[in-house]
């Protein structure tokens, strides 16, 4: 899997297995957004990725295993 890059369009497509997943995040499953702050310095697959969600005006940090690029669907 390629690292996420700023501007990538993504979907929160499933609940994460990561310990950083919080229950409130479940309400965002199925939402689309774009990556605003990837971890590009160390490219750590465990790092959280900041995503701005379409239609909510909200930005949240999500574990990477719950995200997929919309181009991959």
N, C-alpha and C. Protein backbone atom coordinates (compact mmCIF):
# COMPACT_ATOMS: atom_id res chain seq x y z
N UNK A 1 0.83 -1.18 0.00
CA UNK A 1 0.00 0.00 0.00
C UNK A 1 0.88 1.24 0.00
N UNK A 2 0.60 2.15 -0.90
CA UNK A 2 1.34 3.40 -0.97
C UNK A 2 0.96 4.30 0.20
N UNK A 3 1.89 5.12 0.66
CA UNK A 3 1.55 6.05 1.73
C UNK A 3 0.53 7.08 1.25
N UNK A 4 -0.27 7.56 2.16
CA UNK A 4 -1.23 8.60 1.83
C UNK A 4 -0.49 9.91 1.61
N UNK A 5 -0.98 10.69 0.67
CA UNK A 5 -0.39 11.99 0.35
C UNK A 5 -1.43 13.08 0.54
N UNK A 6 -0.97 14.27 0.82
CA UNK A 6 -1.87 15.40 0.99
C UNK A 6 -2.72 15.55 -0.27
N UNK A 7 -4.02 15.70 -0.08
CA UNK A 7 -4.96 15.86 -1.18
C UNK A 7 -5.59 14.58 -1.67
N UNK A 8 -5.07 13.41 -1.23
CA UNK A 8 -5.70 12.14 -1.62
C UNK A 8 -7.16 12.13 -1.17
N UNK A 9 -8.05 11.73 -2.06
CA UNK A 9 -9.46 11.56 -1.72
C UNK A 9 -9.61 10.17 -1.12
N UNK A 10 -10.25 10.10 0.05
CA UNK A 10 -10.35 8.84 0.77
C UNK A 10 -11.77 8.61 1.28
N UNK A 11 -12.02 7.37 1.63
CA UNK A 11 -13.27 6.98 2.28
C UNK A 11 -12.92 6.32 3.60
N UNK A 12 -13.69 6.60 4.64
CA UNK A 12 -13.59 5.85 5.88
C UNK A 12 -14.47 4.64 5.63
N UNK A 13 -13.88 3.50 5.35
CA UNK A 13 -14.68 2.37 4.85
C UNK A 13 -14.94 1.27 5.86
N UNK A 14 -14.27 1.30 7.00
CA UNK A 14 -14.51 0.25 8.00
C UNK A 14 -13.99 0.71 9.36
N UNK A 15 -14.38 -0.02 10.37
CA UNK A 15 -13.86 0.21 11.71
C UNK A 15 -12.40 -0.24 11.75
N UNK A 16 -11.57 0.52 12.41
CA UNK A 16 -10.15 0.20 12.50
C UNK A 16 -9.88 -0.80 13.63
N UNK A 17 -8.83 -1.59 13.47
CA UNK A 17 -8.34 -2.47 14.53
C UNK A 17 -7.31 -1.77 15.40
N UNK A 18 -6.93 -0.56 15.02
CA UNK A 18 -5.90 0.21 15.72
C UNK A 18 -6.40 0.65 17.10
N UNK A 19 -5.50 0.66 18.06
CA UNK A 19 -5.86 1.08 19.42
C UNK A 19 -6.28 2.55 19.50
N UNK A 20 -5.95 3.34 18.49
CA UNK A 20 -6.34 4.75 18.47
C UNK A 20 -7.77 4.98 17.97
N UNK A 21 -8.42 3.91 17.50
CA UNK A 21 -9.80 4.04 17.04
C UNK A 21 -10.68 4.34 18.25
N UNK A 22 -11.54 5.33 18.10
CA UNK A 22 -12.46 5.68 19.18
C UNK A 22 -13.88 5.45 18.71
N UNK A 23 -14.76 5.14 19.63
CA UNK A 23 -16.12 4.75 19.28
C UNK A 23 -16.84 5.83 18.46
N UNK A 24 -16.60 7.11 18.76
CA UNK A 24 -17.28 8.17 18.01
C UNK A 24 -16.96 8.13 16.52
N UNK A 25 -15.83 7.54 16.17
CA UNK A 25 -15.41 7.48 14.76
C UNK A 25 -16.34 6.62 13.92
N UNK A 26 -17.07 5.71 14.56
CA UNK A 26 -17.96 4.82 13.82
C UNK A 26 -19.03 5.58 13.05
N UNK A 27 -19.42 6.75 13.55
CA UNK A 27 -20.43 7.54 12.83
C UNK A 27 -19.90 8.07 11.50
N UNK A 28 -18.60 8.03 11.28
CA UNK A 28 -18.01 8.53 10.04
C UNK A 28 -17.75 7.43 9.01
N UNK A 29 -18.03 6.19 9.35
CA UNK A 29 -17.84 5.10 8.37
C UNK A 29 -18.75 5.38 7.18
N UNK A 30 -18.18 5.34 5.99
CA UNK A 30 -18.91 5.63 4.76
C UNK A 30 -18.71 7.06 4.27
N UNK A 31 -18.15 7.92 5.11
CA UNK A 31 -17.90 9.30 4.71
C UNK A 31 -16.68 9.38 3.80
N UNK A 32 -16.69 10.38 2.94
CA UNK A 32 -15.56 10.68 2.07
C UNK A 32 -14.91 11.96 2.55
N UNK A 33 -13.65 12.12 2.19
CA UNK A 33 -12.92 13.34 2.54
C UNK A 33 -11.60 13.36 1.82
N UNK A 34 -10.72 14.23 2.28
CA UNK A 34 -9.39 14.30 1.68
C UNK A 34 -8.34 14.45 2.77
N UNK A 35 -7.18 13.90 2.47
CA UNK A 35 -6.06 13.91 3.42
C UNK A 35 -5.49 15.32 3.49
N UNK A 36 -5.42 15.86 4.70
CA UNK A 36 -4.87 17.20 4.87
C UNK A 36 -3.52 17.19 5.56
N UNK A 37 -3.20 16.10 6.25
CA UNK A 37 -1.92 16.05 6.95
C UNK A 37 -1.44 14.61 7.06
N UNK A 38 -0.83 14.10 6.00
CA UNK A 38 -0.28 12.75 6.08
C UNK A 38 1.04 12.77 6.84
N UNK A 39 1.48 11.62 7.26
CA UNK A 39 2.77 11.51 7.92
C UNK A 39 3.81 11.21 6.84
N UNK A 40 4.30 12.25 6.19
CA UNK A 40 5.22 12.03 5.07
C UNK A 40 6.68 12.07 5.49
N UNK A 41 6.95 12.51 6.69
CA UNK A 41 8.35 12.61 7.12
C UNK A 41 8.92 11.25 7.42
N UNK A 42 8.22 10.47 8.25
CA UNK A 42 8.75 9.16 8.61
C UNK A 42 8.00 8.02 7.93
N UNK A 43 6.88 8.34 7.26
CA UNK A 43 6.12 7.35 6.51
C UNK A 43 5.79 6.13 7.37
N UNK A 44 5.28 6.37 8.55
CA UNK A 44 4.96 5.33 9.51
C UNK A 44 3.55 4.81 9.26
N UNK A 45 3.40 3.53 8.90
CA UNK A 45 2.06 2.99 8.63
C UNK A 45 1.17 2.96 9.87
N UNK A 46 1.75 3.13 11.05
CA UNK A 46 0.98 3.16 12.29
C UNK A 46 0.48 4.57 12.64
N UNK A 47 1.01 5.58 11.95
CA UNK A 47 0.66 6.96 12.28
C UNK A 47 -0.77 7.28 11.86
N UNK A 48 -1.38 8.18 12.61
CA UNK A 48 -2.71 8.64 12.26
C UNK A 48 -2.62 9.66 11.13
N UNK A 49 -3.66 9.69 10.31
CA UNK A 49 -3.72 10.58 9.16
C UNK A 49 -4.87 11.56 9.38
N UNK A 50 -4.59 12.84 9.19
CA UNK A 50 -5.62 13.86 9.36
C UNK A 50 -6.44 13.95 8.07
N UNK A 51 -7.77 13.82 8.22
CA UNK A 51 -8.70 13.82 7.09
C UNK A 51 -9.78 14.86 7.34
N UNK A 52 -10.02 15.72 6.33
CA UNK A 52 -11.14 16.64 6.37
C UNK A 52 -12.30 15.98 5.65
N UNK A 53 -13.42 15.81 6.35
CA UNK A 53 -14.57 15.08 5.82
C UNK A 53 -15.48 16.01 5.03
N UNK A 54 -15.91 15.54 3.86
CA UNK A 54 -16.82 16.30 3.01
C UNK A 54 -18.15 16.53 3.73
N UNK A 55 -18.65 17.74 3.61
CA UNK A 55 -19.98 18.05 4.12
C UNK A 55 -20.08 18.26 5.62
N UNK A 56 -19.00 18.01 6.36
CA UNK A 56 -19.06 18.19 7.81
C UNK A 56 -18.26 19.39 8.26
N UNK A 57 -17.29 19.80 7.45
CA UNK A 57 -16.40 20.87 7.86
C UNK A 57 -15.45 20.43 8.95
N UNK A 58 -15.50 19.15 9.31
CA UNK A 58 -14.66 18.65 10.39
C UNK A 58 -13.42 17.95 9.90
N UNK A 59 -12.36 18.06 10.69
CA UNK A 59 -11.11 17.37 10.42
C UNK A 59 -10.82 16.46 11.61
N UNK A 60 -10.49 15.21 11.29
CA UNK A 60 -10.23 14.21 12.33
C UNK A 60 -8.98 13.43 11.97
N UNK A 61 -8.36 12.84 12.99
CA UNK A 61 -7.20 11.97 12.79
C UNK A 61 -7.68 10.52 12.84
N UNK A 62 -7.45 9.81 11.74
CA UNK A 62 -7.90 8.42 11.63
C UNK A 62 -6.71 7.48 11.47
N UNK A 63 -6.82 6.25 12.01
CA UNK A 63 -5.83 5.23 11.72
C UNK A 63 -5.88 4.89 10.23
N UNK A 64 -4.76 4.51 9.67
CA UNK A 64 -4.69 4.28 8.22
C UNK A 64 -5.44 3.04 7.76
N UNK A 65 -5.63 2.05 8.64
CA UNK A 65 -6.27 0.81 8.18
C UNK A 65 -7.78 0.95 7.96
N UNK A 66 -8.35 2.10 8.30
CA UNK A 66 -9.78 2.29 8.04
C UNK A 66 -10.01 3.16 6.81
N UNK A 67 -8.92 3.60 6.18
CA UNK A 67 -9.00 4.49 5.02
C UNK A 67 -8.67 3.76 3.73
N UNK A 68 -9.32 4.17 2.66
CA UNK A 68 -8.91 3.71 1.33
C UNK A 68 -9.08 4.88 0.37
N UNK A 69 -8.16 4.92 -0.58
CA UNK A 69 -8.24 5.96 -1.62
C UNK A 69 -9.46 5.68 -2.49
N UNK A 70 -10.16 6.71 -2.86
CA UNK A 70 -11.34 6.53 -3.71
C UNK A 70 -10.94 6.04 -5.09
N UNK A 71 -9.74 6.33 -5.54
CA UNK A 71 -9.29 5.85 -6.85
C UNK A 71 -9.11 4.32 -6.86
N UNK A 72 -8.97 3.71 -5.68
CA UNK A 72 -8.76 2.26 -5.59
C UNK A 72 -10.05 1.46 -5.61
N UNK A 73 -11.18 2.15 -5.50
CA UNK A 73 -12.48 1.44 -5.44
C UNK A 73 -12.84 0.93 -6.82
